[in-house]
Each structure stands twice: as structure tokens, then as C-alpha cells.
Amino acid sequence: MDLNKSNTAKNEEFYDSIYNNVDVDYIIQYLNNIDVFLSNAKQVHTSWVGLYQNDFDKTLKGKKVLELGCGDCLNAAVMSVLGAEVYANDLSQHCGAIINNLNKKYDFETPIQFVYGDFLEADIPLDFFDIVVGKSFVHHLTNEQEIQFTEKIVQILKKDGVVRYFEPAVNSVFLDKIRFLIPLHDRPSLLQKEKFKVWKALDPHPERDNSSKNYRKIGNQYFKTTEIYCIGSIEKLQRLFPSKISSKEFRRRAFQIERYLPAFIRNIFARSQMVEYKFPKK
């Protein structure tokens, strides 16, 4: 099995185990209070702060949107409530069951459609989508797969189409090495060689270039416009503070303060990045 197929199979197995028993009731609660949920999420939850930069939510109504790596389908459901016609793709078959349950329990104006399996093998019309979204998705691809995905995305997007990703940012090799020296949750320190080796074998993330430079290079090759906004340079420090300090309040203030930092500081110390490509080169 080649590296790309092995990576796909590894991710499918991993996320089948994650999404095989998702209770959609918590998603329904958010949808029933969508304004409150989104207002809070856009201020304190890193992935929502990143993906929904510049009022992305206000651009969705009436658009055909494809989400790659839909996961627990919360974002797909939110985009649908906001007026988008949503198609949600994932390797895990269980995501289809989540979407079926959501469609049964919530009266979407347009039911969410599930696109199962490898995106590269999916039968999707050309010039069909207005927007393609990936929320912590691309870093699960090898760099070669990323190019293959991008080339197909260019084909299925309309001429004024948009791609928007939220992804980890690794813009300093030195800082990234320090990150792996610190144990976190189920990830042991790089200094714990045997334990780290076991963890790495199970980790669904391939070795790849997650730098803003890499995304910009691909964007410039396949799209007319590329914008990257790095975030999390202050927010990621929250883990160093005592638990009695409100993590939500810390993140809220961190994101507010970060806006005033010079771009090169945000870039070097970023935890994450919002990547936006516009106008595919057909």
C-alpha cells in the first residue's frame, strides 16, 4: 500500500472509532440557539474564530457549500441553518448516520447531503460549488494528496468560487520542536522515546508541511487570490496558567489583543491559520 492510500485508510479507521456513537442532541441545542452559539463561538473557540473570520457566516445564505472532513457535522449543520445548501464529505461512514439523524430531528430549509468516502473518488459535477470549506482537515492529508485535492477543487468550484480552511500553523520549526517536548493529554513528550513512538504510530496526522508558506504557494499556483490570517499566538499560552483562570475569558481577551500585534509576530508564533483561496484558475 502506498503512502497516500495508507494515510487514507489510517484516517478512516481512526475517525470511525471517534464518530461511531455521536449524540446529535447537543448539536440540535446549538442550532435552536444559533445566534447565541455563534456569537460566543466566534469569540472564544479557536477553530470558529479562525474559520469565521470577517463574518464568514454572513456570506453563506443561498450558496452551495461543500465541507471536507465534516466530522461530527456541527459546522455543516450550522452552515445549513445559516442558509447554505450543504454537502458534507467524510471518510467515516458514521458521519452519514449523524447527518441522517440531524435531518430527521431538525427542519433544515434544505437537508444536508452526505458525500461518503474519498473525495478524490466522489462523483461531483464541474463548476458546481460556490464554497469549499475544511475545518482542521487538510493537515490530515499528505502534501501530495493536498495537491490532488486542490486540483479537483478547482474543477468543481464556480469561476468566482472560494476555498476556506482552518488549519494548524507551523511557521517556526524551532517552536514546533519545543511543542513536542511538552506532554499533552494522550501525547507523551518527545523525550519519552518509546511512548512517543507508540503514539506516533497511531497518530492520524502524516508528516507534512503545515506552514503558511506552503498554503500560500499552493494558493498562488491554483487561485488568483490567496489570503492567510494567523491566530493563536497568545491564546495557546492559556495552558500555562492555573485552571482557576477562565479559559474562555482568557481566549476572548487573547484574540482581541492579538489583532494589534504585527503580522510577522502573529505569523511566527501562530497556533492556527485561516487560509482563503478565491477565483480558481480554470
C-alpha atoms as a PDB file:
ATOM      1  CA  MET A   1       0.000   0.000   0.000  1.00  0.00           C
ATOM      2  CA  ASP A   2       1.458   3.389  -0.999  1.00  0.00           C
ATOM      3  CA  LEU A   3       1.776   6.285   1.447  1.00  0.00           C
ATOM      4  CA  ASN A   4      -1.359   8.117   0.283  1.00  0.00           C
ATOM      5  CA  LYS A   5      -3.616   5.057   0.458  1.00  0.00           C
ATOM      6  CA  SER A   6      -2.123   4.075   3.797  1.00  0.00           C
ATOM      7  CA  ASN A   7      -2.787   7.555   5.164  1.00  0.00           C
ATOM      8  CA  THR A   8      -6.395   7.482   3.947  1.00  0.00           C
ATOM      9  CA  ALA A   9      -7.016   4.060   5.484  1.00  0.00           C
ATOM     10  CA  LYS A  10      -5.448   5.144   8.775  1.00  0.00           C
ATOM     11  CA  ASN A  11      -7.655   8.216   8.992  1.00  0.00           C
ATOM     12  CA  GLU A  12     -10.780   6.247   8.097  1.00  0.00           C
ATOM     13  CA  GLU A  13     -10.111   3.703  10.837  1.00  0.00           C
ATOM     14  CA  PHE A  14      -9.279   6.381  13.400  1.00  0.00           C
ATOM     15  CA  TYR A  15     -12.357   8.513  12.772  1.00  0.00           C
ATOM     16  CA  ASP A  16     -14.710   5.553  12.508  1.00  0.00           C
ATOM     17  CA  SER A  17     -13.821   4.939  16.146  1.00  0.00           C
ATOM     18  CA  ILE A  18     -14.423   8.614  17.030  1.00  0.00           C
ATOM     19  CA  TYR A  19     -17.774   9.167  15.310  1.00  0.00           C
ATOM     20  CA  ASN A  20     -19.490   5.798  15.781  1.00  0.00           C
ATOM     21  CA  ASN A  21     -21.681   6.995  18.646  1.00  0.00           C
ATOM     22  CA  VAL A  22     -22.323  10.732  18.354  1.00  0.00           C
ATOM     23  CA  ASP A  23     -25.436  12.026  20.118  1.00  0.00           C
ATOM     24  CA  VAL A  24     -26.817  14.766  17.867  1.00  0.00           C
ATOM     25  CA  ASP A  25     -28.979  16.281  20.611  1.00  0.00           C
ATOM     26  CA  TYR A  26     -26.165  18.621  21.661  1.00  0.00           C
ATOM     27  CA  ILE A  27     -25.937  19.856  18.065  1.00  0.00           C
ATOM     28  CA  ILE A  28     -29.696  20.427  17.953  1.00  0.00           C
ATOM     29  CA  GLN A  29     -29.446  22.524  21.127  1.00  0.00           C
ATOM     30  CA  TYR A  30     -26.865  24.750  19.445  1.00  0.00           C
ATOM     31  CA  LEU A  31     -28.992  25.057  16.297  1.00  0.00           C
ATOM     32  CA  ASN A  32     -32.037  26.056  18.330  1.00  0.00           C
ATOM     33  CA  ASN A  33     -29.967  28.899  19.809  1.00  0.00           C
ATOM     34  CA  ILE A  34     -27.837  29.608  16.759  1.00  0.00           C
ATOM     35  CA  ASP A  35     -27.307  33.337  17.352  1.00  0.00           C
ATOM     36  CA  VAL A  36     -26.094  32.838  20.921  1.00  0.00           C
ATOM     37  CA  PHE A  37     -23.930  29.865  19.974  1.00  0.00           C
ATOM     38  CA  LEU A  38     -22.261  31.546  17.024  1.00  0.00           C
ATOM     39  CA  SER A  39     -21.696  34.850  18.819  1.00  0.00           C
ATOM     40  CA  ASN A  40     -19.888  33.019  21.612  1.00  0.00           C
ATOM     41  CA  ALA A  41     -18.012  30.576  19.374  1.00  0.00           C
ATOM     42  CA  LYS A  42     -16.648  33.373  17.149  1.00  0.00           C
ATOM     43  CA  GLN A  43     -15.081  34.983  20.212  1.00  0.00           C
ATOM     44  CA  VAL A  44     -13.664  32.132  22.287  1.00  0.00           C
ATOM     45  CA  HIS A  45     -13.382  28.870  20.322  1.00  0.00           C
ATOM     46  CA  THR A  46     -10.221  28.888  18.229  1.00  0.00           C
ATOM     47  CA  SER A  47     -11.467  26.963  15.195  1.00  0.00           C
ATOM     48  CA  TRP A  48     -14.636  29.090  14.972  1.00  0.00           C
ATOM     49  CA  VAL A  49     -12.708  32.322  15.497  1.00  0.00           C
ATOM     50  CA  GLY A  50     -10.433  31.263  12.657  1.00  0.00           C
ATOM     51  CA  LEU A  51     -12.876  29.803  10.130  1.00  0.00           C
ATOM     52  CA  TYR A  52     -15.482  32.505  10.628  1.00  0.00           C
ATOM     53  CA  GLN A  53     -13.078  35.452  10.316  1.00  0.00           C
ATOM     54  CA  ASN A  54     -14.527  38.546   8.634  1.00  0.00           C
ATOM     55  CA  ASP A  55     -18.151  37.470   9.178  1.00  0.00           C
ATOM     56  CA  PHE A  56     -17.947  34.366   7.017  1.00  0.00           C
ATOM     57  CA  ASP A  57     -21.361  33.357   8.394  1.00  0.00           C
ATOM     58  CA  LYS A  58     -22.971  36.301   6.593  1.00  0.00           C
ATOM     59  CA  THR A  59     -21.728  35.097   3.190  1.00  0.00           C
ATOM     60  CA  LEU A  60     -23.350  31.648   3.283  1.00  0.00           C
ATOM     61  CA  LYS A  61     -27.016  32.258   2.517  1.00  0.00           C
ATOM     62  CA  GLY A  62     -28.015  30.816  -0.845  1.00  0.00           C
ATOM     63  CA  LYS A  63     -24.580  29.297  -1.520  1.00  0.00           C
ATOM     64  CA  LYS A  64     -23.749  25.720  -2.432  1.00  0.00           C
ATOM     65  CA  VAL A  65     -21.111  24.654   0.094  1.00  0.00           C
ATOM     66  CA  LEU A  66     -19.002  21.502   0.314  1.00  0.00           C
ATOM     67  CA  GLU A  67     -17.394  20.702   3.654  1.00  0.00           C
ATOM     68  CA  LEU A  68     -14.426  18.336   3.500  1.00  0.00           C
ATOM     69  CA  GLY A  69     -13.911  16.268   6.640  1.00  0.00           C
ATOM     70  CA  CYS A  70     -17.273  17.118   8.204  1.00  0.00           C
ATOM     71  CA  GLY A  71     -16.537  15.107  11.379  1.00  0.00           C
ATOM     72  CA  ASP A  72     -19.277  15.482  13.980  1.00  0.00           C
ATOM     73  CA  CYS A  73     -21.204  17.600  11.422  1.00  0.00           C
ATOM     74  CA  LEU A  74     -21.742  20.549  13.764  1.00  0.00           C
ATOM     75  CA  ASN A  75     -20.235  23.020  11.313  1.00  0.00           C
ATOM     76  CA  ALA A  76     -22.171  21.523   8.402  1.00  0.00           C
ATOM     77  CA  ALA A  77     -25.387  21.904  10.397  1.00  0.00           C
ATOM     78  CA  VAL A  78     -24.577  25.493  11.376  1.00  0.00           C
ATOM     79  CA  MET A  79     -23.877  26.460   7.757  1.00  0.00           C
ATOM     80  CA  SER A  80     -27.163  24.865   6.723  1.00  0.00           C
ATOM     81  CA  VAL A  81     -29.118  26.835   9.331  1.00  0.00           C
ATOM     82  CA  LEU A  82     -27.386  29.977   8.045  1.00  0.00           C
ATOM     83  CA  GLY A  83     -28.939  29.373   4.641  1.00  0.00           C
ATOM     84  CA  ALA A  84     -26.348  27.364   2.710  1.00  0.00           C
ATOM     85  CA  GLU A  85     -27.106  24.266   0.659  1.00  0.00           C
ATOM     86  CA  VAL A  86     -24.593  21.982   2.350  1.00  0.00           C
ATOM     87  CA  TYR A  87     -22.873  18.853   1.077  1.00  0.00           C
ATOM     88  CA  ALA A  88     -20.764  17.160   3.754  1.00  0.00           C
ATOM     89  CA  ASN A  89     -17.938  14.767   2.918  1.00  0.00           C
ATOM     90  CA  ASP A  90     -16.072  12.400   5.226  1.00  0.00           C
ATOM     91  CA  LEU A  91     -14.206   9.100   5.132  1.00  0.00           C
ATOM     92  CA  SER A  92     -16.158   7.825   8.129  1.00  0.00           C
ATOM     93  CA  GLN A  93     -19.416   6.088   7.321  1.00  0.00           C
ATOM     94  CA  HIS A  94     -20.719   7.132  10.737  1.00  0.00           C
ATOM     95  CA  CYS A  95     -20.860  10.764   9.628  1.00  0.00           C
ATOM     96  CA  GLY A  96     -23.633   9.733   7.264  1.00  0.00           C
ATOM     97  CA  ALA A  97     -25.631   8.400  10.207  1.00  0.00           C
ATOM     98  CA  ILE A  98     -25.073  11.678  12.076  1.00  0.00           C
ATOM     99  CA  ILE A  99     -26.398  13.653   9.111  1.00  0.00           C
ATOM    100  CA  ASN A 100     -29.428  11.374   8.758  1.00  0.00           C
ATOM    101  CA  ASN A 101     -30.264  11.953  12.420  1.00  0.00           C
ATOM    102  CA  LEU A 102     -29.798  15.706  12.072  1.00  0.00           C
ATOM    103  CA  ASN A 103     -32.086  15.812   9.038  1.00  0.00           C
ATOM    104  CA  LYS A 104     -34.741  13.879  10.976  1.00  0.00           C
ATOM    105  CA  LYS A 105     -34.534  15.977  14.140  1.00  0.00           C
ATOM    106  CA  TYR A 106     -34.129  19.466  12.663  1.00  0.00           C
ATOM    107  CA  ASP A 107     -36.184  21.130   9.968  1.00  0.00           C
ATOM    108  CA  PHE A 108     -33.437  22.429   7.690  1.00  0.00           C
ATOM    109  CA  GLU A 109     -34.653  24.538   4.774  1.00  0.00           C
ATOM    110  CA  THR A 110     -32.509  22.267   2.601  1.00  0.00           C
ATOM    111  CA  PRO A 111     -31.470  18.909   4.121  1.00  0.00           C
ATOM    112  CA  ILE A 112     -27.728  18.293   4.400  1.00  0.00           C
ATOM    113  CA  GLN A 113     -26.425  15.842   1.804  1.00  0.00           C
ATOM    114  CA  PHE A 114     -23.710  13.357   2.727  1.00  0.00           C
ATOM    115  CA  VAL A 115     -20.889  12.570   0.304  1.00  0.00           C
ATOM    116  CA  TYR A 116     -19.294   9.396   1.626  1.00  0.00           C
ATOM    117  CA  GLY A 117     -15.709   8.278   1.138  1.00  0.00           C
ATOM    118  CA  ASP A 118     -12.561   9.533  -0.521  1.00  0.00           C
ATOM    119  CA  PHE A 119     -13.224  12.962  -2.018  1.00  0.00           C
ATOM    120  CA  LEU A 120     -10.922  12.173  -4.932  1.00  0.00           C
ATOM    121  CA  GLU A 121     -13.236   9.332  -5.953  1.00  0.00           C
ATOM    122  CA  ALA A 122     -16.508  11.210  -5.423  1.00  0.00           C
ATOM    123  CA  ASP A 123     -18.643  11.949  -8.493  1.00  0.00           C
ATOM    124  CA  ILE A 124     -19.180  15.712  -8.298  1.00  0.00           C
ATOM    125  CA  PRO A 125     -20.296  17.954 -11.205  1.00  0.00           C
ATOM    126  CA  LEU A 126     -17.870  20.540 -12.559  1.00  0.00           C
ATOM    127  CA  ASP A 127     -18.384  24.225 -11.690  1.00  0.00           C
ATOM    128  CA  PHE A 128     -20.919  23.247  -9.032  1.00  0.00           C
ATOM    129  CA  PHE A 129     -19.910  24.745  -5.667  1.00  0.00           C
ATOM    130  CA  ASP A 130     -19.646  28.343  -4.515  1.00  0.00           C
ATOM    131  CA  ILE A 131     -17.562  27.497  -1.451  1.00  0.00           C
ATOM    132  CA  VAL A 132     -15.399  24.601  -0.256  1.00  0.00           C
ATOM    133  CA  VAL A 133     -14.684  24.503   3.469  1.00  0.00           C
ATOM    134  CA  GLY A 134     -12.264  22.445   5.560  1.00  0.00           C
ATOM    135  CA  LYS A 135     -12.140  22.795   9.344  1.00  0.00           C
ATOM    136  CA  SER A 136      -8.957  21.137  10.643  1.00  0.00           C
ATOM    137  CA  PHE A 137      -8.957  18.839   7.627  1.00  0.00           C
ATOM    138  CA  VAL A 138      -6.051  19.490   5.270  1.00  0.00           C
ATOM    139  CA  HIS A 139      -3.346  18.581   7.796  1.00  0.00           C
ATOM    140  CA  HIS A 140      -4.687  15.019   7.651  1.00  0.00           C
ATOM    141  CA  LEU A 141      -3.564  14.821   4.007  1.00  0.00           C
ATOM    142  CA  THR A 142      -0.079  14.186   2.726  1.00  0.00           C
ATOM    143  CA  ASN A 143       1.341  17.098   0.734  1.00  0.00           C
ATOM    144  CA  GLU A 144       0.814  15.059  -2.440  1.00  0.00           C
ATOM    145  CA  GLN A 145      -2.840  14.442  -1.556  1.00  0.00           C
ATOM    146  CA  GLU A 146      -3.261  18.145  -0.839  1.00  0.00           C
ATOM    147  CA  ILE A 147      -2.247  18.939  -4.419  1.00  0.00           C
ATOM    148  CA  GLN A 148      -4.618  16.271  -5.776  1.00  0.00           C
ATOM    149  CA  PHE A 149      -7.479  17.646  -3.672  1.00  0.00           C
ATOM    150  CA  THR A 150      -6.712  21.206  -4.777  1.00  0.00           C
ATOM    151  CA  GLU A 151      -6.754  20.269  -8.449  1.00  0.00           C
ATOM    152  CA  LYS A 152     -10.163  18.626  -8.072  1.00  0.00           C
ATOM    153  CA  ILE A 153     -11.499  21.542  -6.006  1.00  0.00           C
ATOM    154  CA  VAL A 154     -10.542  23.931  -8.813  1.00  0.00           C
ATOM    155  CA  GLN A 155     -12.643  21.830 -11.191  1.00  0.00           C
ATOM    156  CA  ILE A 156     -15.781  21.670  -9.038  1.00  0.00           C
ATOM    157  CA  LEU A 157     -15.762  25.330  -7.953  1.00  0.00           C
ATOM    158  CA  LYS A 158     -17.564  28.022  -9.882  1.00  0.00           C
ATOM    159  CA  LYS A 159     -15.345  30.640 -11.530  1.00  0.00           C
ATOM    160  CA  ASP A 160     -15.812  33.023  -8.578  1.00  0.00           C
ATOM    161  CA  GLY A 161     -15.576  30.204  -6.035  1.00  0.00           C
ATOM    162  CA  VAL A 162     -13.924  30.354  -2.625  1.00  0.00           C
ATOM    163  CA  VAL A 163     -11.959  27.858  -0.537  1.00  0.00           C
ATOM    164  CA  ARG A 164     -11.694  28.493   3.186  1.00  0.00           C
ATOM    165  CA  TYR A 165      -9.617  26.329   5.542  1.00  0.00           C
ATOM    166  CA  PHE A 166      -8.886  26.482   9.236  1.00  0.00           C
ATOM    167  CA  GLU A 167      -5.644  24.621   9.928  1.00  0.00           C
ATOM    168  CA  PRO A 168      -2.727  24.353  12.368  1.00  0.00           C
ATOM    169  CA  ALA A 169       0.137  26.719  11.592  1.00  0.00           C
ATOM    170  CA  VAL A 170       3.758  25.599  11.878  1.00  0.00           C
ATOM    171  CA  ASN A 171       5.781  28.652  10.936  1.00  0.00           C
ATOM    172  CA  SER A 172       8.739  28.022  13.239  1.00  0.00           C
ATOM    173  CA  VAL A 173      10.492  24.650  13.204  1.00  0.00           C
ATOM    174  CA  PHE A 174      12.214  25.539  16.475  1.00  0.00           C
ATOM    175  CA  LEU A 175       8.967  26.300  18.306  1.00  0.00           C
ATOM    176  CA  ASP A 176       7.376  23.168  16.889  1.00  0.00           C
ATOM    177  CA  LYS A 177      10.166  21.028  18.306  1.00  0.00           C
ATOM    178  CA  ILE A 178       9.698  22.645  21.707  1.00  0.00           C
ATOM    179  CA  ARG A 179       5.965  21.871  21.470  1.00  0.00           C
ATOM    180  CA  PHE A 180       6.650  18.167  21.165  1.00  0.00           C
ATOM    181  CA  LEU A 181       8.889  18.222  24.224  1.00  0.00           C
ATOM    182  CA  ILE A 182       5.860  19.089  26.364  1.00  0.00           C
ATOM    183  CA  PRO A 183       3.449  16.186  27.091  1.00  0.00           C
ATOM    184  CA  LEU A 184      -0.192  16.942  26.339  1.00  0.00           C
ATOM    185  CA  HIS A 185      -3.269  14.829  27.099  1.00  0.00           C
ATOM    186  CA  ASP A 186      -2.565  11.448  25.467  1.00  0.00           C
ATOM    187  CA  ARG A 187       0.576  12.668  23.663  1.00  0.00           C
ATOM    188  CA  PRO A 188       3.810  11.869  25.544  1.00  0.00           C
ATOM    189  CA  SER A 189       6.896  14.041  25.386  1.00  0.00           C
ATOM    190  CA  LEU A 190       9.364  13.506  22.563  1.00  0.00           C
ATOM    191  CA  LEU A 191      11.859  12.751  25.333  1.00  0.00           C
ATOM    192  CA  GLN A 192       9.826   9.665  26.242  1.00  0.00           C
ATOM    193  CA  LYS A 193      11.106   7.910  23.159  1.00  0.00           C
ATOM    194  CA  GLU A 194       9.300   4.560  23.364  1.00  0.00           C
ATOM    195  CA  LYS A 195       5.963   6.031  24.407  1.00  0.00           C
ATOM    196  CA  PHE A 196       6.243   8.741  21.759  1.00  0.00           C
ATOM    197  CA  LYS A 197       6.987   6.124  19.108  1.00  0.00           C
ATOM    198  CA  VAL A 198       3.821   4.196  20.025  1.00  0.00           C
ATOM    199  CA  TRP A 199       1.757   7.390  19.989  1.00  0.00           C
ATOM    200  CA  LYS A 200       3.182   8.448  16.635  1.00  0.00           C
ATOM    201  CA  ALA A 201       2.291   5.101  15.051  1.00  0.00           C
ATOM    202  CA  LEU A 202      -1.366   5.655  15.957  1.00  0.00           C
ATOM    203  CA  ASP A 203      -1.479   9.371  15.141  1.00  0.00           C
ATOM    204  CA  PRO A 204      -3.633  10.034  12.030  1.00  0.00           C
ATOM    205  CA  HIS A 205      -1.605  13.089  11.025  1.00  0.00           C
ATOM    206  CA  PRO A 206       1.044  12.447   8.335  1.00  0.00           C
ATOM    207  CA  GLU A 207       4.415  14.166   8.240  1.00  0.00           C
ATOM    208  CA  ARG A 208       3.792  17.229   6.067  1.00  0.00           C
ATOM    209  CA  ASP A 209       4.409  20.938   5.635  1.00  0.00           C
ATOM    210  CA  ASN A 210       1.813  22.881   7.662  1.00  0.00           C
ATOM    211  CA  SER A 211       3.424  26.276   7.167  1.00  0.00           C
ATOM    212  CA  SER A 212       1.639  29.348   5.861  1.00  0.00           C
ATOM    213  CA  LYS A 213       4.317  29.458   3.165  1.00  0.00           C
ATOM    214  CA  ASN A 214       3.152  26.078   1.845  1.00  0.00           C
ATOM    215  CA  TYR A 215      -0.502  27.151   1.715  1.00  0.00           C
ATOM    216  CA  ARG A 216       0.407  30.413   0.021  1.00  0.00           C
ATOM    217  CA  LYS A 217       2.484  28.599  -2.600  1.00  0.00           C
ATOM    218  CA  ILE A 218      -0.413  26.282  -3.460  1.00  0.00           C
ATOM    219  CA  GLY A 219      -2.901  29.131  -3.411  1.00  0.00           C
ATOM    220  CA  ASN A 220      -0.824  31.229  -5.772  1.00  0.00           C
ATOM    221  CA  GLN A 221      -0.488  28.315  -8.163  1.00  0.00           C
ATOM    222  CA  TYR A 222      -4.168  27.396  -8.385  1.00  0.00           C
ATOM    223  CA  PHE A 223      -6.066  30.575  -7.463  1.00  0.00           C
ATOM    224  CA  LYS A 224      -5.975  34.254  -8.356  1.00  0.00           C
ATOM    225  CA  THR A 225      -6.206  35.435  -4.747  1.00  0.00           C
ATOM    226  CA  THR A 226      -4.739  33.987  -1.547  1.00  0.00           C
ATOM    227  CA  GLU A 227      -5.213  35.358   1.952  1.00  0.00           C
ATOM    228  CA  ILE A 228      -3.856  33.861   5.174  1.00  0.00           C
ATOM    229  CA  TYR A 229      -4.618  35.093   8.663  1.00  0.00           C
ATOM    230  CA  CYS A 230      -2.634  33.597  11.526  1.00  0.00           C
ATOM    231  CA  ILE A 231      -4.162  33.357  15.002  1.00  0.00           C
ATOM    232  CA  GLY A 232      -3.472  31.847  18.416  1.00  0.00           C
ATOM    233  CA  SER A 233      -0.086  33.402  19.213  1.00  0.00           C
ATOM    234  CA  ILE A 234      -1.362  34.469  22.644  1.00  0.00           C
ATOM    235  CA  GLU A 235      -4.288  32.078  23.071  1.00  0.00           C
ATOM    236  CA  LYS A 236      -2.047  29.000  23.112  1.00  0.00           C
ATOM    237  CA  LEU A 237      -0.363  30.288  26.288  1.00  0.00           C
ATOM    238  CA  GLN A 238      -3.564  29.612  28.233  1.00  0.00           C
ATOM    239  CA  ARG A 239      -2.340  26.096  29.054  1.00  0.00           C
ATOM    240  CA  LEU A 240       0.447  27.598  31.164  1.00  0.00           C
ATOM    241  CA  PHE A 241      -1.942  29.315  33.566  1.00  0.00           C
ATOM    242  CA  PRO A 242      -3.751  27.824  36.590  1.00  0.00           C
ATOM    243  CA  SER A 243      -7.058  26.123  35.814  1.00  0.00           C
ATOM    244  CA  LYS A 244      -8.920  28.578  38.063  1.00  0.00           C
ATOM    245  CA  ILE A 245      -8.394  31.231  35.395  1.00  0.00           C
ATOM    246  CA  SER A 246     -11.329  31.077  32.991  1.00  0.00           C
ATOM    247  CA  SER A 247     -10.056  29.598  29.742  1.00  0.00           C
ATOM    248  CA  LYS A 248     -12.911  31.164  27.779  1.00  0.00           C
ATOM    249  CA  GLU A 249     -12.275  34.637  29.145  1.00  0.00           C
ATOM    250  CA  PHE A 250      -8.534  34.248  28.541  1.00  0.00           C
ATOM    251  CA  ARG A 251      -9.103  33.228  24.932  1.00  0.00           C
ATOM    252  CA  ARG A 252     -11.588  36.024  24.374  1.00  0.00           C
ATOM    253  CA  ARG A 253      -9.087  38.645  25.525  1.00  0.00           C
ATOM    254  CA  ALA A 254      -6.190  36.929  23.775  1.00  0.00           C
ATOM    255  CA  PHE A 255      -7.917  37.090  20.401  1.00  0.00           C
ATOM    256  CA  GLN A 256      -8.810  40.746  20.973  1.00  0.00           C
ATOM    257  CA  ILE A 257      -5.249  41.742  21.921  1.00  0.00           C
ATOM    258  CA  GLU A 258      -3.697  39.682  19.136  1.00  0.00           C
ATOM    259  CA  ARG A 259      -5.277  41.899  16.473  1.00  0.00           C
ATOM    260  CA  TYR A 260      -2.871  44.670  17.458  1.00  0.00           C
ATOM    261  CA  LEU A 261       0.273  42.566  17.091  1.00  0.00           C
ATOM    262  CA  PRO A 262       2.468  42.993  13.999  1.00  0.00           C
ATOM    263  CA  ALA A 263       1.690  40.422  11.318  1.00  0.00           C
ATOM    264  CA  PHE A 264       5.166  38.858  11.465  1.00  0.00           C
ATOM    265  CA  ILE A 265       4.738  38.179  15.203  1.00  0.00           C
ATOM    266  CA  ARG A 266       1.323  36.588  14.657  1.00  0.00           C
ATOM    267  CA  ASN A 267       2.831  34.518  11.879  1.00  0.00           C
ATOM    268  CA  ILE A 268       5.852  33.146  13.755  1.00  0.00           C
ATOM    269  CA  PHE A 269       4.039  32.355  16.996  1.00  0.00           C
ATOM    270  CA  ALA A 270       0.703  31.298  15.485  1.00  0.00           C
ATOM    271  CA  ARG A 271      -1.090  28.217  16.655  1.00  0.00           C
ATOM    272  CA  SER A 272      -3.526  28.197  13.736  1.00  0.00           C
ATOM    273  CA  GLN A 273      -4.355  29.892  10.471  1.00  0.00           C
ATOM    274  CA  MET A 274      -7.316  30.740   8.290  1.00  0.00           C
ATOM    275  CA  VAL A 275      -6.487  30.124   4.649  1.00  0.00           C
ATOM    276  CA  GLU A 276      -8.703  31.554   1.927  1.00  0.00           C
ATOM    277  CA  TYR A 277      -8.339  30.995  -1.801  1.00  0.00           C
ATOM    278  CA  LYS A 278     -10.521  32.846  -4.299  1.00  0.00           C
ATOM    279  CA  PHE A 279     -11.163  32.677  -8.049  1.00  0.00           C
ATOM    280  CA  PRO A 280      -9.794  29.312  -9.226  1.00  0.00           C
ATOM    281  CA  LYS A 281      -7.540  29.360 -12.237  1.00  0.00           C
ATOM    282  CA  LYS A 282      -9.557  27.270 -14.690  1.00  0.00           C
END
